[in-house]
Protein backbone atom coordinates (compact mmCIF):
# COMPACT_ATOMS: atom_id res chain seq x y z
CA MET A 1 -82.82 -0.65 0.98
CA PRO A 2 -79.80 -2.71 -0.17
CA THR A 3 -76.36 -1.37 0.71
CA LYS A 4 -73.13 -1.47 -1.25
CA PRO A 5 -70.30 -3.52 0.35
CA ALA A 6 -67.73 -1.17 1.88
CA HIS A 7 -64.83 -2.55 -0.15
CA ILE A 8 -66.54 -1.99 -3.53
CA ARG A 9 -65.53 1.09 -5.54
CA GLU A 10 -68.31 2.20 -7.85
CA PHE A 11 -66.67 5.34 -9.28
CA SER A 12 -63.52 3.55 -10.42
CA PRO A 13 -61.31 4.52 -13.38
CA ARG A 14 -62.57 1.57 -15.39
CA SER A 15 -66.25 2.27 -14.68
CA VAL A 16 -65.81 5.92 -15.69
CA ALA A 17 -63.83 5.02 -18.82
CA VAL A 18 -66.31 2.37 -19.91
CA GLY A 19 -69.21 4.66 -19.01
CA LEU A 20 -67.95 7.47 -21.23
CA LEU A 21 -67.30 4.97 -24.04
CA VAL A 22 -70.88 3.66 -23.78
CA ALA A 23 -72.11 7.28 -23.66
CA VAL A 24 -70.43 7.91 -27.02
CA VAL A 25 -71.95 4.75 -28.54
CA ILE A 26 -75.45 5.49 -27.23
CA GLY A 27 -75.23 9.19 -28.12
CA ALA A 28 -74.24 8.32 -31.69
CA SER A 29 -76.69 5.46 -32.29
CA TYR A 30 -79.82 6.64 -30.47
CA PRO A 31 -80.72 9.57 -32.80
CA TYR A 32 -81.38 7.18 -35.69
CA VAL A 33 -83.86 5.24 -33.57
CA VAL A 34 -85.73 8.37 -32.47
CA LEU A 35 -85.83 9.95 -35.95
CA LYS A 36 -86.89 6.67 -37.56
CA PHE A 37 -89.56 5.45 -35.15
CA GLY A 38 -90.60 8.64 -33.38
CA PHE A 39 -89.95 7.25 -29.89
CA GLY A 40 -87.03 6.32 -27.67
CA PRO A 41 -86.87 2.83 -26.16
CA ASN A 42 -85.48 2.18 -22.67
CA ILE A 43 -81.83 3.02 -23.15
CA SER A 44 -80.98 2.24 -19.51
CA VAL A 45 -81.29 -1.50 -20.08
CA VAL A 46 -79.27 -1.29 -23.30
CA SER A 47 -76.54 0.63 -21.46
CA ALA A 48 -76.48 -1.99 -18.70
CA PHE A 49 -75.87 -4.76 -21.23
CA PHE A 50 -73.16 -2.74 -22.97
CA GLY A 51 -71.56 -2.13 -19.59
CA PHE A 52 -71.65 -5.82 -18.75
CA LEU A 53 -69.90 -6.70 -22.01
CA ALA A 54 -67.31 -3.92 -21.81
CA LEU A 55 -66.48 -4.34 -18.12
CA GLY A 56 -66.09 -8.06 -18.73
CA ILE A 57 -63.37 -7.19 -21.22
CA PHE A 58 -61.57 -4.84 -18.81
CA SER A 59 -61.78 -7.07 -15.74
CA LYS A 60 -63.25 -10.28 -14.36
CA SER A 61 -64.17 -8.58 -11.06
CA TYR A 62 -67.31 -7.07 -12.57
CA ASN A 63 -69.98 -5.85 -10.15
CA ARG A 64 -73.42 -4.25 -10.38
CA TRP A 65 -72.36 -0.95 -8.77
CA GLU A 66 -69.70 -0.23 -11.37
CA ASN A 67 -72.13 -1.25 -14.09
CA ASN A 68 -74.66 1.21 -12.70
CA ILE A 69 -72.12 3.97 -13.34
CA VAL A 70 -71.93 2.77 -16.94
CA GLN A 71 -75.72 2.52 -17.17
CA THR A 72 -76.02 6.05 -15.82
CA ALA A 73 -73.62 7.42 -18.44
CA GLY A 74 -75.46 5.66 -21.26
CA THR A 75 -78.85 6.87 -20.03
CA THR A 76 -77.59 10.44 -19.80
CA ALA A 77 -76.23 10.40 -23.34
CA GLY A 78 -79.45 8.77 -24.55
CA GLN A 79 -81.60 11.49 -22.99
CA ILE A 80 -79.50 14.17 -24.71
CA ALA A 81 -79.54 12.23 -28.00
CA PHE A 82 -83.33 11.96 -27.74
CA LEU A 83 -83.42 15.71 -28.39
CA CYS A 84 -82.47 15.05 -32.01
CA TRP A 85 -86.19 15.50 -32.73
CA LEU A 86 -85.80 19.11 -31.58
CA LEU A 87 -82.97 19.72 -34.05
CA ALA A 88 -85.02 18.06 -36.80
CA ALA A 89 -87.96 20.32 -35.94
CA PHE A 90 -85.74 23.38 -36.35
CA ASP A 91 -84.71 22.19 -39.83
CA MET A 92 -88.27 21.32 -40.83
CA LEU A 93 -89.61 24.70 -39.79
CA ALA A 94 -86.74 26.58 -41.43
CA ALA A 95 -87.59 24.79 -44.70
CA GLU A 96 -91.23 25.94 -44.55
CA PRO A 97 -91.84 28.71 -47.12
CA GLY A 98 -92.68 31.98 -45.42
CA SER A 99 -92.12 30.68 -41.88
CA GLY A 100 -89.53 33.33 -41.11
CA PHE A 101 -87.71 30.81 -38.92
CA ASP A 102 -84.02 30.87 -39.82
CA VAL A 103 -82.26 29.04 -36.99
CA HIS A 104 -79.43 26.87 -38.36
CA LEU A 105 -77.26 25.51 -35.59
CA THR A 106 -73.62 24.65 -36.13
CA ARG A 107 -72.09 21.63 -34.42
CA LEU A 108 -70.47 23.88 -31.82
CA GLN A 109 -73.73 25.72 -31.11
CA THR A 110 -75.63 22.44 -30.76
CA PHE A 111 -73.01 21.09 -28.37
CA VAL A 112 -72.91 24.18 -26.14
CA TRP A 113 -76.69 24.72 -26.09
CA LEU A 114 -77.59 21.13 -25.21
CA THR A 115 -74.75 20.86 -22.70
CA ALA A 116 -75.95 23.94 -20.83
CA SER A 117 -79.61 22.85 -20.76
CA GLY A 118 -78.69 19.25 -19.92
CA LEU A 119 -76.52 20.26 -16.96
CA LEU A 120 -79.34 22.47 -15.68
CA GLY A 121 -81.72 19.50 -15.88
CA VAL A 122 -79.34 17.35 -13.84
CA PHE A 123 -78.89 19.92 -11.07
CA LEU A 124 -82.62 20.64 -10.82
CA ALA A 125 -83.42 16.93 -10.41
CA VAL A 126 -80.99 16.30 -7.54
CA PRO A 127 -83.13 17.74 -4.69
CA LEU A 128 -86.15 15.74 -5.83
CA ARG A 129 -84.59 12.27 -5.57
CA LYS A 130 -85.57 11.64 -1.97
CA HIS A 131 -89.11 12.87 -2.56
CA PHE A 132 -89.94 10.81 -5.66
CA ILE A 133 -87.76 7.74 -5.02
CA GLU A 134 -87.79 7.29 -1.23
CA ASP A 135 -90.81 9.18 0.13
CA GLU A 136 -93.39 8.46 -2.57
CA GLN A 137 -91.58 5.42 -3.99
CA LEU A 138 -92.95 5.91 -7.49
CA PRO A 139 -92.27 2.81 -9.59
CA PHE A 140 -90.34 4.28 -12.59
CA PRO A 141 -90.76 0.98 -14.51
CA ASP A 142 -87.82 1.50 -16.88
CA GLY A 143 -85.61 2.09 -13.85
CA ILE A 144 -86.85 -1.12 -12.28
CA ALA A 145 -86.13 -2.99 -15.53
CA ALA A 146 -82.59 -1.62 -15.60
CA GLY A 147 -82.08 -2.42 -11.92
CA GLU A 148 -83.30 -5.98 -12.35
CA THR A 149 -80.99 -6.34 -15.35
CA LEU A 150 -77.99 -5.26 -13.29
CA ILE A 151 -78.94 -7.66 -10.49
CA MET A 152 -79.50 -10.53 -12.91
CA LEU A 153 -76.12 -9.98 -14.60
CA ASP A 154 -74.38 -10.02 -11.22
CA SER A 155 -76.25 -12.77 -9.37
CA ARG A 156 -75.25 -16.21 -8.15
CA GLY A 157 -77.05 -19.27 -6.77
CA PRO A 158 -80.01 -21.46 -7.86
CA GLU A 159 -82.75 -18.93 -7.07
CA ALA A 160 -80.90 -16.24 -8.96
CA ARG A 161 -80.53 -18.60 -11.93
CA LYS A 162 -84.28 -19.21 -11.97
CA SER A 163 -85.02 -15.49 -11.98
CA ALA A 164 -82.38 -14.95 -14.65
CA PHE A 165 -83.94 -17.69 -16.78
CA VAL A 166 -87.36 -16.04 -16.51
CA MET A 167 -85.92 -12.64 -17.40
CA VAL A 168 -83.82 -13.86 -20.34
CA SER A 169 -86.72 -15.91 -21.72
CA ALA A 170 -89.01 -12.89 -21.48
CA LEU A 171 -86.34 -10.74 -23.08
CA ALA A 172 -85.99 -13.10 -26.04
CA ALA A 173 -89.75 -13.40 -26.51
CA SER A 174 -90.28 -9.64 -26.41
CA GLY A 175 -87.43 -9.00 -28.82
CA LEU A 176 -88.79 -11.56 -31.29
CA VAL A 177 -92.29 -10.09 -31.11
CA PHE A 178 -91.00 -6.60 -31.82
CA LEU A 179 -88.79 -7.89 -34.62
CA GLY A 180 -91.81 -9.66 -36.11
CA THR A 181 -93.88 -6.48 -36.12
CA GLN A 182 -91.08 -4.53 -37.80
CA LEU A 183 -90.51 -7.19 -40.48
CA LYS A 184 -94.27 -7.48 -41.04
CA TRP A 185 -94.41 -11.13 -40.02
CA PHE A 186 -97.61 -10.14 -38.24
CA VAL A 187 -99.54 -6.96 -37.47
CA ASP A 188 -98.37 -4.52 -34.82
CA ALA A 189 -101.91 -3.82 -33.62
CA ILE A 190 -105.27 -5.62 -33.42
CA ASN A 191 -107.81 -3.02 -34.50
CA VAL A 192 -111.26 -2.80 -32.94
CA THR A 193 -114.12 -0.78 -34.41
CA VAL A 194 -116.26 1.00 -31.83
CA ASN A 195 -117.43 4.03 -33.81
CA ARG A 196 -116.74 5.87 -37.07
CA PHE A 197 -113.47 7.36 -35.74
CA SER A 198 -111.95 4.11 -34.43
CA ALA A 199 -109.74 3.54 -37.46
CA VAL A 200 -108.36 7.08 -37.24
CA THR A 201 -107.72 7.09 -33.49
CA GLY A 202 -106.24 3.59 -33.43
CA VAL A 203 -108.66 1.85 -31.11
CA GLY A 204 -107.50 -1.71 -30.45
CA PHE A 205 -104.66 -3.62 -28.81
CA GLY A 206 -100.99 -3.08 -29.55
CA VAL A 207 -98.83 -6.14 -30.17
CA SER A 208 -96.08 -5.20 -27.71
CA LEU A 209 -94.80 -7.20 -24.77
CA LEU A 210 -93.05 -4.06 -23.53
CA ASN A 211 -96.45 -2.55 -22.79
CA ILE A 212 -97.45 -5.76 -21.02
CA GLY A 213 -94.38 -5.42 -18.79
CA THR A 214 -95.16 -1.78 -18.10
CA GLY A 215 -98.65 -2.74 -16.94
CA ILE A 216 -97.23 -5.39 -14.59
CA ILE A 217 -94.98 -2.86 -12.88
CA ILE A 218 -97.28 0.17 -12.62
CA GLY A 219 -100.20 -1.90 -11.33
CA LEU A 220 -103.94 -2.17 -11.85
CA ARG A 221 -105.01 1.19 -10.39
CA ILE A 222 -102.83 3.36 -12.66
CA SER A 223 -103.51 1.10 -15.66
CA SER A 224 -107.27 1.29 -15.06
CA SER A 225 -107.01 5.07 -14.82
CA MET A 226 -105.13 5.10 -18.12
CA LEU A 227 -107.83 2.95 -19.71
CA LEU A 228 -110.48 5.40 -18.52
CA GLY A 229 -108.59 8.43 -19.82
CA GLY A 230 -107.81 6.77 -23.13
CA PHE A 231 -111.43 5.72 -23.62
CA ILE A 232 -112.64 9.26 -23.01
CA ALA A 233 -110.08 10.82 -25.35
CA TRP A 234 -109.98 8.34 -28.22
CA VAL A 235 -113.45 6.75 -28.19
CA LEU A 236 -115.94 9.24 -26.73
CA ALA A 237 -114.35 12.62 -27.47
CA PRO A 238 -114.02 12.36 -31.30
CA VAL A 239 -117.76 11.77 -31.71
CA TRP A 240 -118.61 14.65 -29.36
CA LEU A 241 -116.14 16.98 -31.06
CA ALA A 242 -117.57 16.17 -34.50
CA GLU A 243 -121.17 16.67 -33.36
CA HIS A 244 -120.29 20.09 -31.93
CA GLY A 245 -118.33 21.26 -34.97
CA TYR A 246 -114.83 21.20 -33.52
CA ILE A 247 -113.60 18.64 -36.07
CA VAL A 248 -114.81 17.48 -39.47
CA GLU A 249 -115.76 13.90 -40.27
CA SER A 250 -112.52 13.46 -42.20
CA ALA A 251 -110.41 14.65 -39.26
CA ARG A 252 -106.94 13.17 -38.80
CA LYS A 253 -105.65 11.81 -35.53
CA VAL A 254 -103.47 14.90 -35.05
CA ASP A 255 -106.55 17.13 -35.37
CA ILE A 256 -108.20 15.25 -32.52
CA LEU A 257 -104.99 15.24 -30.49
CA LEU A 258 -104.64 19.03 -30.71
CA LEU A 259 -108.02 19.32 -28.99
CA VAL A 260 -107.98 16.52 -26.42
CA MET A 261 -104.47 17.41 -25.29
CA TRP A 262 -105.67 20.52 -23.43
CA PRO A 263 -107.84 18.80 -20.81
CA ALA A 264 -105.10 16.16 -20.59
CA VAL A 265 -102.44 18.77 -19.86
CA GLY A 266 -104.79 20.36 -17.32
CA LEU A 267 -105.10 17.01 -15.55
CA LEU A 268 -101.35 16.41 -15.56
CA VAL A 269 -100.19 19.86 -14.51
CA ALA A 270 -102.87 20.60 -11.90
CA GLY A 271 -102.80 17.07 -10.50
CA GLY A 272 -99.01 17.00 -10.29
CA MET A 273 -98.68 20.43 -8.70
CA THR A 274 -101.49 19.73 -6.24
CA ALA A 275 -99.80 16.51 -5.14
CA LEU A 276 -96.59 18.42 -4.48
CA ALA A 277 -98.45 21.19 -2.64
CA LEU A 278 -100.22 18.71 -0.39
CA ARG A 279 -96.86 17.17 0.50
CA TRP A 280 -95.08 20.47 1.06
CA ARG A 281 -93.78 19.44 4.47
CA VAL A 282 -92.21 16.28 3.08
CA LEU A 283 -90.72 18.25 0.20
CA LEU A 284 -89.39 20.90 2.61
CA ASN A 285 -87.75 18.22 4.74
CA THR A 286 -86.11 16.84 1.60
CA PHE A 287 -84.46 20.19 0.92
CA LYS A 288 -83.49 20.61 4.57
CA GLY A 289 -81.76 17.24 4.42
CA LEU A 290 -79.52 18.57 1.67
CA SER A 291 -78.58 21.76 3.49
CA GLY A 292 -75.53 20.32 5.22
CA GLU A 293 -73.24 17.43 4.52
CA ALA A 294 -74.49 14.82 2.10
CA VAL A 295 -75.40 12.35 4.84
CA SER A 296 -77.87 10.55 2.62
CA GLY A 297 -75.35 10.38 -0.20
CA ASP A 298 -76.90 13.28 -2.13
CA LEU A 299 -75.12 16.35 -3.43
CA PRO A 300 -75.39 19.15 -0.80
CA ILE A 301 -77.92 21.84 -1.63
CA GLY A 302 -75.21 24.52 -1.74
CA ILE A 303 -73.43 22.79 -4.60
CA VAL A 304 -76.77 22.17 -6.32
CA ALA A 305 -77.64 25.87 -6.06
CA ILE A 306 -74.27 26.97 -7.45
CA GLY A 307 -74.45 24.44 -10.28
CA SER A 308 -78.02 25.36 -11.16
CA GLY A 309 -77.21 29.07 -11.15
CA ALA A 310 -74.11 28.66 -13.28
CA SER A 311 -75.91 26.42 -15.78
CA ALA A 312 -78.82 28.85 -15.99
CA VAL A 313 -76.52 31.84 -16.60
CA LEU A 314 -74.66 29.88 -19.30
CA LEU A 315 -77.93 28.89 -20.95
CA VAL A 316 -79.25 32.45 -20.96
CA ALA A 317 -75.99 33.71 -22.47
CA VAL A 318 -75.89 30.97 -25.09
CA GLN A 319 -79.45 31.65 -26.23
CA SER A 320 -78.80 35.38 -26.40
CA ILE A 321 -75.67 34.89 -28.52
CA PHE A 322 -76.83 32.02 -30.74
CA PHE A 323 -80.54 32.78 -31.16
CA GLY A 324 -80.86 36.44 -30.26
CA THR A 325 -83.30 35.43 -27.51
CA PRO A 326 -84.10 38.27 -25.09
CA VAL A 327 -82.70 37.59 -21.63
CA TRP A 328 -86.11 37.81 -20.01
CA HIS A 329 -87.47 35.20 -22.45
CA SER A 330 -84.79 32.71 -21.39
CA VAL A 331 -85.17 33.48 -17.68
CA LEU A 332 -88.93 33.03 -17.89
CA ALA A 333 -88.56 29.81 -19.89
CA ILE A 334 -86.17 28.39 -17.27
CA ALA A 335 -88.52 29.39 -14.44
CA LEU A 336 -91.50 27.77 -16.18
CA SER A 337 -89.47 24.64 -16.96
CA ILE A 338 -89.10 23.81 -13.27
CA PRO A 339 -92.79 23.09 -12.48
CA LEU A 340 -93.20 21.41 -15.87
CA ALA A 341 -90.24 19.12 -15.10
CA LEU A 342 -91.81 18.28 -11.73
CA VAL A 343 -95.01 17.24 -13.49
CA ALA A 344 -93.07 15.24 -16.09
CA LEU A 345 -91.19 13.35 -13.36
CA ARG A 346 -94.41 12.37 -11.61
CA VAL A 347 -96.01 11.21 -14.87
CA LEU A 348 -92.96 9.16 -15.82
CA GLY A 349 -92.72 7.66 -12.33
CA GLU A 350 -96.34 6.53 -12.29
CA THR A 351 -96.93 5.51 -15.91
CA ASN A 352 -93.52 4.94 -17.59
CA TRP A 353 -94.41 7.53 -20.26
CA GLY A 354 -92.36 10.72 -20.17
CA PRO A 355 -94.51 13.60 -21.46
CA ILE A 356 -91.56 15.62 -22.77
CA SER A 357 -93.19 16.67 -26.05
CA THR A 358 -96.41 17.58 -24.21
CA MET A 359 -94.55 19.79 -21.76
CA THR A 360 -92.83 21.52 -24.69
CA ASN A 361 -96.23 21.98 -26.35
CA LEU A 362 -97.49 23.69 -23.22
CA MET A 363 -94.44 25.96 -23.24
CA GLN A 364 -95.17 26.74 -26.90
CA ALA A 365 -98.69 27.77 -25.94
CA LEU A 366 -97.42 29.99 -23.13
CA PHE A 367 -94.92 31.75 -25.38
CA GLY A 368 -97.53 31.96 -28.11
CA GLY A 369 -99.37 34.31 -25.77
CA ILE A 370 -96.25 36.04 -24.43
CA ALA A 371 -94.72 36.69 -27.87
CA PRO A 372 -97.56 36.39 -30.44
CA GLY A 373 -96.39 35.50 -33.94
CA ASP A 374 -92.77 34.89 -32.85
CA LEU A 375 -91.91 31.36 -33.95
CA ARG A 376 -88.33 31.69 -32.75
CA ALA A 377 -89.47 32.44 -29.20
CA SER A 378 -91.93 29.54 -29.27
CA MET A 379 -89.44 26.99 -30.61
CA VAL A 380 -86.34 27.94 -28.64
CA SER A 381 -88.09 28.51 -25.31
CA SER A 382 -90.02 25.25 -25.52
CA GLY A 383 -86.73 23.56 -26.35
CA ILE A 384 -85.48 24.53 -22.89
CA ALA A 385 -88.45 22.75 -21.31
CA GLY A 386 -87.73 19.63 -23.38
CA ALA A 387 -84.04 19.53 -22.54
CA VAL A 388 -84.53 20.14 -18.81
CA ALA A 389 -87.32 17.57 -18.56
CA ALA A 390 -85.37 14.97 -20.56
CA GLU A 391 -82.27 15.13 -18.38
CA SER A 392 -84.30 15.28 -15.16
CA GLU A 393 -86.18 12.15 -16.20
CA GLY A 394 -82.95 10.32 -17.04
CA LEU A 395 -81.37 11.13 -13.69
CA MET A 396 -84.46 10.05 -11.76
CA GLN A 397 -84.43 6.68 -13.56
CA ASP A 398 -80.78 6.30 -12.56
CA TYR A 399 -81.64 7.17 -8.96
CA LYS A 400 -84.31 4.45 -9.02
CA VAL A 401 -81.75 1.89 -10.13
CA GLY A 402 -79.30 3.13 -7.51
CA TRP A 403 -81.95 2.86 -4.79
CA MET A 404 -82.59 -0.77 -5.79
CA ILE A 405 -78.95 -1.84 -5.52
CA GLY A 406 -77.53 0.60 -2.95
CA SER A 407 -75.52 2.96 -5.17
CA THR A 408 -74.45 6.36 -3.84
CA PRO A 409 -76.71 9.05 -5.36
CA ARG A 410 -73.93 11.66 -5.34
CA ILE A 411 -71.70 9.39 -7.43
CA LEU A 412 -74.47 8.87 -9.98
CA THR A 413 -74.83 12.64 -10.24
CA TYR A 414 -71.10 13.00 -10.90
CA MET A 415 -71.35 10.52 -13.75
CA GLN A 416 -74.34 12.33 -15.23
CA LEU A 417 -72.47 15.63 -15.17
CA LEU A 418 -69.57 14.00 -16.99
CA ALA A 419 -71.77 12.30 -19.55
CA VAL A 420 -73.97 15.28 -20.51
CA PRO A 421 -71.32 16.99 -22.67
CA VAL A 422 -70.31 13.63 -24.14
CA GLY A 423 -73.87 12.94 -25.26
CA ALA A 424 -74.25 16.50 -26.57
CA LEU A 425 -71.02 16.19 -28.56
CA ALA A 426 -72.07 12.85 -30.06
CA LEU A 427 -75.44 14.28 -31.10
CA ALA A 428 -73.85 17.47 -32.48
CA PHE A 429 -71.78 15.41 -34.90
CA MET A 430 -74.23 12.58 -35.60
CA TYR A 431 -77.41 14.53 -36.34
CA PRO A 432 -76.06 16.47 -39.38
CA LEU A 433 -74.63 13.22 -40.72
CA LEU A 434 -77.97 11.43 -40.44
CA ARG A 435 -79.86 14.41 -41.88
CA ASP A 436 -77.59 14.72 -44.90
CA THR A 437 -77.36 10.97 -45.51
CA TYR A 438 -80.99 9.89 -45.11
CA GLY A 439 -82.96 13.13 -45.31
CA ILE A 440 -85.67 14.35 -42.95
CA ILE A 441 -87.60 16.63 -45.33
CA GLY A 442 -89.38 15.82 -48.58
CA ASP A 443 -91.04 12.85 -50.24
CA HIS A 444 -87.87 10.76 -50.27
CA ALA A 445 -86.81 11.39 -46.68
CA GLN A 446 -86.02 8.17 -44.82
CA LEU A 447 -86.04 9.73 -41.33
CA THR A 448 -89.36 11.53 -41.07
CA SER A 449 -89.24 12.11 -37.27
CA PRO A 450 -92.97 11.97 -36.41
CA THR A 451 -92.40 13.81 -33.11
CA SER A 452 -90.76 16.71 -34.94
CA GLN A 453 -93.58 16.95 -37.45
CA ARG A 454 -96.19 17.11 -34.71
CA TRP A 455 -94.17 19.71 -32.80
CA VAL A 456 -93.69 21.90 -35.88
CA GLY A 457 -97.37 21.65 -36.74
CA PHE A 458 -98.35 22.64 -33.23
CA ALA A 459 -95.91 25.57 -33.25
CA LYS A 460 -97.43 26.93 -36.46
CA VAL A 461 -100.98 26.50 -35.18
CA MET A 462 -100.20 28.24 -31.90
CA THR A 463 -98.31 31.10 -33.52
CA ASN A 464 -101.03 31.73 -36.10
CA GLN A 465 -103.89 31.46 -33.62
CA MET A 466 -102.32 33.67 -30.99
CA SER A 467 -101.45 36.33 -33.58
CA GLY A 468 -104.94 36.16 -35.11
CA THR A 469 -103.74 34.99 -38.53
CA GLY A 470 -104.88 31.37 -38.32
CA THR A 471 -107.09 29.83 -40.96
CA ALA A 472 -107.61 26.29 -39.69
CA TRP A 473 -110.13 27.36 -37.03
CA ALA A 474 -111.61 30.67 -35.90
CA PRO A 475 -109.00 32.09 -33.50
CA GLY A 476 -111.53 32.90 -30.78
CA LEU A 477 -113.00 29.41 -30.89
CA THR A 478 -109.62 27.67 -30.67
CA ILE A 479 -108.29 29.85 -27.86
CA ALA A 480 -111.60 29.55 -26.03
CA TRP A 481 -111.43 25.75 -26.33
CA MET A 482 -107.86 25.63 -25.03
CA GLN A 483 -108.67 27.80 -22.05
CA ALA A 484 -111.96 26.15 -21.14
CA SER A 485 -110.86 22.54 -21.61
CA PHE A 486 -107.58 23.14 -19.78
CA ALA A 487 -109.56 24.63 -16.87
CA VAL A 488 -111.95 21.67 -16.78
CA GLY A 489 -109.05 19.22 -16.80
CA ALA A 490 -107.28 21.21 -14.08
CA VAL A 491 -110.32 21.22 -11.80
CA ILE A 492 -110.76 17.47 -12.24
CA GLY A 493 -107.04 16.92 -11.61
CA ILE A 494 -107.14 18.93 -8.39
CA LEU A 495 -110.26 17.16 -7.10
CA LEU A 496 -108.97 13.67 -7.89
CA THR A 497 -105.63 14.42 -6.24
CA MET A 498 -107.38 15.66 -3.11
CA PHE A 499 -109.63 12.60 -3.00
CA GLU A 500 -106.51 10.43 -3.23
CA GLN A 501 -105.43 11.77 0.16
CA ILE A 502 -108.50 10.38 1.93
CA LYS A 503 -107.52 7.25 3.80
CA GLY A 504 -109.08 4.11 2.35
CA LEU A 505 -110.34 5.90 -0.75
CA LYS A 506 -107.20 6.09 -2.91
CA ALA A 507 -107.60 2.58 -4.34
CA PHE A 508 -110.93 3.59 -5.86
CA VAL A 509 -110.02 7.08 -7.13
CA PRO A 510 -108.75 7.36 -10.74
CA SER A 511 -105.24 8.73 -11.00
CA PRO A 512 -105.19 12.12 -12.78
CA THR A 513 -101.68 11.32 -13.96
CA GLY A 514 -102.77 8.03 -15.51
CA MET A 515 -105.86 9.55 -17.10
CA GLY A 516 -103.95 12.53 -18.49
CA ILE A 517 -101.06 10.68 -20.10
CA ALA A 518 -103.43 8.13 -21.71
CA MET A 519 -105.15 10.98 -23.55
CA LEU A 520 -101.84 11.75 -25.28
CA ILE A 521 -100.47 8.34 -26.26
CA PRO A 522 -101.81 5.65 -28.64
CA PHE A 523 -104.91 3.99 -27.23
CA SER A 524 -103.64 0.62 -28.48
CA ALA A 525 -100.70 1.00 -26.08
CA VAL A 526 -103.02 1.90 -23.21
CA THR A 527 -105.19 -1.19 -23.67
CA THR A 528 -102.16 -3.47 -23.78
CA ILE A 529 -100.77 -1.90 -20.61
CA PHE A 530 -104.10 -2.61 -18.92
CA VAL A 531 -104.02 -6.22 -20.13
CA GLY A 532 -100.58 -6.61 -18.54
CA ALA A 533 -101.75 -5.14 -15.23
CA PHE A 534 -104.95 -7.19 -15.15
CA GLY A 535 -103.10 -10.41 -15.98
CA ASP A 536 -100.56 -9.65 -13.26
CA TRP A 537 -103.39 -9.09 -10.76
CA ILE A 538 -104.88 -12.47 -11.62
CA TRP A 539 -101.44 -14.08 -11.29
CA SER A 540 -101.01 -12.55 -7.81
CA ARG A 541 -104.29 -14.13 -6.73
CA VAL A 542 -103.79 -17.56 -8.30
CA SER A 543 -100.14 -18.10 -7.31
CA PRO A 544 -98.88 -15.47 -4.85
CA GLU A 545 -95.55 -17.23 -4.30
CA THR A 546 -94.47 -17.44 -7.95
CA HIS A 547 -95.81 -13.93 -8.52
CA HIS A 548 -93.64 -12.58 -5.73
CA ARG A 549 -90.56 -14.34 -7.08
CA TYR A 550 -90.84 -13.79 -10.81
CA SER A 551 -93.28 -10.98 -11.74
CA VAL A 552 -90.70 -8.18 -11.71
CA ALA A 553 -88.15 -10.34 -13.53
CA LEU A 554 -90.73 -11.17 -16.20
CA ALA A 555 -91.79 -7.54 -16.61
CA SER A 556 -88.19 -6.32 -16.73
CA GLY A 557 -87.33 -8.93 -19.34
CA VAL A 558 -90.11 -7.96 -21.76
CA ILE A 559 -89.27 -4.26 -21.36
CA ALA A 560 -85.57 -4.95 -21.98
CA GLY A 561 -86.16 -7.24 -24.97
CA GLU A 562 -88.08 -4.73 -27.07
CA ALA A 563 -85.74 -1.91 -26.08
CA LEU A 564 -82.66 -3.87 -27.16
CA VAL A 565 -84.08 -4.89 -30.52
CA ALA A 566 -85.40 -1.37 -31.16
CA VAL A 567 -81.82 -0.10 -30.93
CA ILE A 568 -80.18 -2.98 -32.80
CA ILE A 569 -82.48 -2.88 -35.86
CA PRO A 570 -81.51 0.64 -37.00
CA LEU A 571 -77.83 -0.18 -36.54
CA LEU A 572 -78.21 -3.24 -38.79
CA VAL A 573 -80.17 -1.22 -41.33
CA THR A 574 -77.50 1.49 -41.36
CA ALA A 575 -74.78 -1.13 -41.86
CA GLY A 576 -76.70 -2.61 -44.81
CA LEU A 577 -77.19 -5.93 -43.04
CA MET A 578 -80.97 -5.67 -42.78
CA ALA A 579 -83.90 -4.09 -44.61
CA ILE A 580 -87.26 -3.14 -43.13
CA PRO A 581 -90.31 -3.62 -45.42
């Protein structure tokens, strides 16, 4: 692992000042992107570029370790700002006639609530750094892209220039491709018809170099597993579901998703928890290593325990005061968020897709059974899972970058703790402004927040079904499907994870994580990820030397290019300098 030169200060006044400034910019600009497009691009790379520009203004003695502090602050604020879809979901549900959901958060309430849950997510992620980053060495592709960006911006010499040229060229190409799809210069997907549901489920190939780069980094095994899972969910399952009466011929994609998500969640949760259980000794040693002084550079476990406890108490109090949530509801939600965050971290590390909304859906289902008919319990409690998972994922990406360049993990944690309230404050002020200016509800709304709509729809389905008032399906049939398909997915996830442990067999065993996440995301993205991995495999065989030198730079460039343009476009639209067809 690279080490930081002894004379370099990473947590300097200028790096902290610039980091907090970038956190404000990211926290204020990111919500528009998420509400407009329904997804959040890699904000780590964007933060790294902002840090490079800003630090260059403050001083000529720029270095990658200080910029990683800036990148960490921007990522933290971006993860908090990503939760704008949760605030939009609250407003959408409150506007539903007869919903009985009347949560209307003030700016102060938003700030305090998201700060408390965000800080809890940071503290809970700290003990897991060594396990996921060092012991298992999961790829975390967005983290690799950010790390390569930092290295490229701070490199010297002819070989570094060649890698930088590859990365910048890939960045420009990816950005132009994404810009072209947004301006309708060409299609954003190449559709393929396999059966009568192909048009609905989006079978085909996405026109996205970011997905190509993701495939290069995560490799052929995970990508092949994703292709298998996606094929089952989006090609085979719809026909089977229609033939057995679970969906009608005119079913929408969301109708299919609400059914295939349960075996997918079973795969993800059971597979992830089994993997942790099988490595319990390694995980135990990780915690033991934090019990004393922070020899490895991590925050000592004592401080982590105090911070986690204080954040949890604050969160329970805030939810009781602001939402009227029973204390035991909040305590249970926090306890359930921990294993769900562990699963989310594994999924993100292996596939580059963070299943935050899926983990919140699972929490909705759990509280649908715990408090039948109580939308407030379902929405607020699942919001805890989303916030904790989001901040845990952001910190783990930062740890990946730090591991690549030799940053001190404890210092990165300090910056995250500083940036959480900054991001929460930026979102608290920016979200109402975006909502009132562009609208999120009604026929003329410009920010429709697809993630929020899906979440609200799922909340209503779960609440109605669990309380026995549903009309979309027979309650017994829907609950029976959820239970049975989740169990089937869980059994498969456990078996595949156990087979992975057999020496010499892992390369041929499908990854339950890859299969599960592919059943939840667009199949056109899955196929493109596989194309990237397969092309990279061919490259490694044809020209091993150039592959070793430039594959990561190429992948990082195409991931960074789309992410940068995805953030810049909404800013230009907001400023009136650009219009999207």
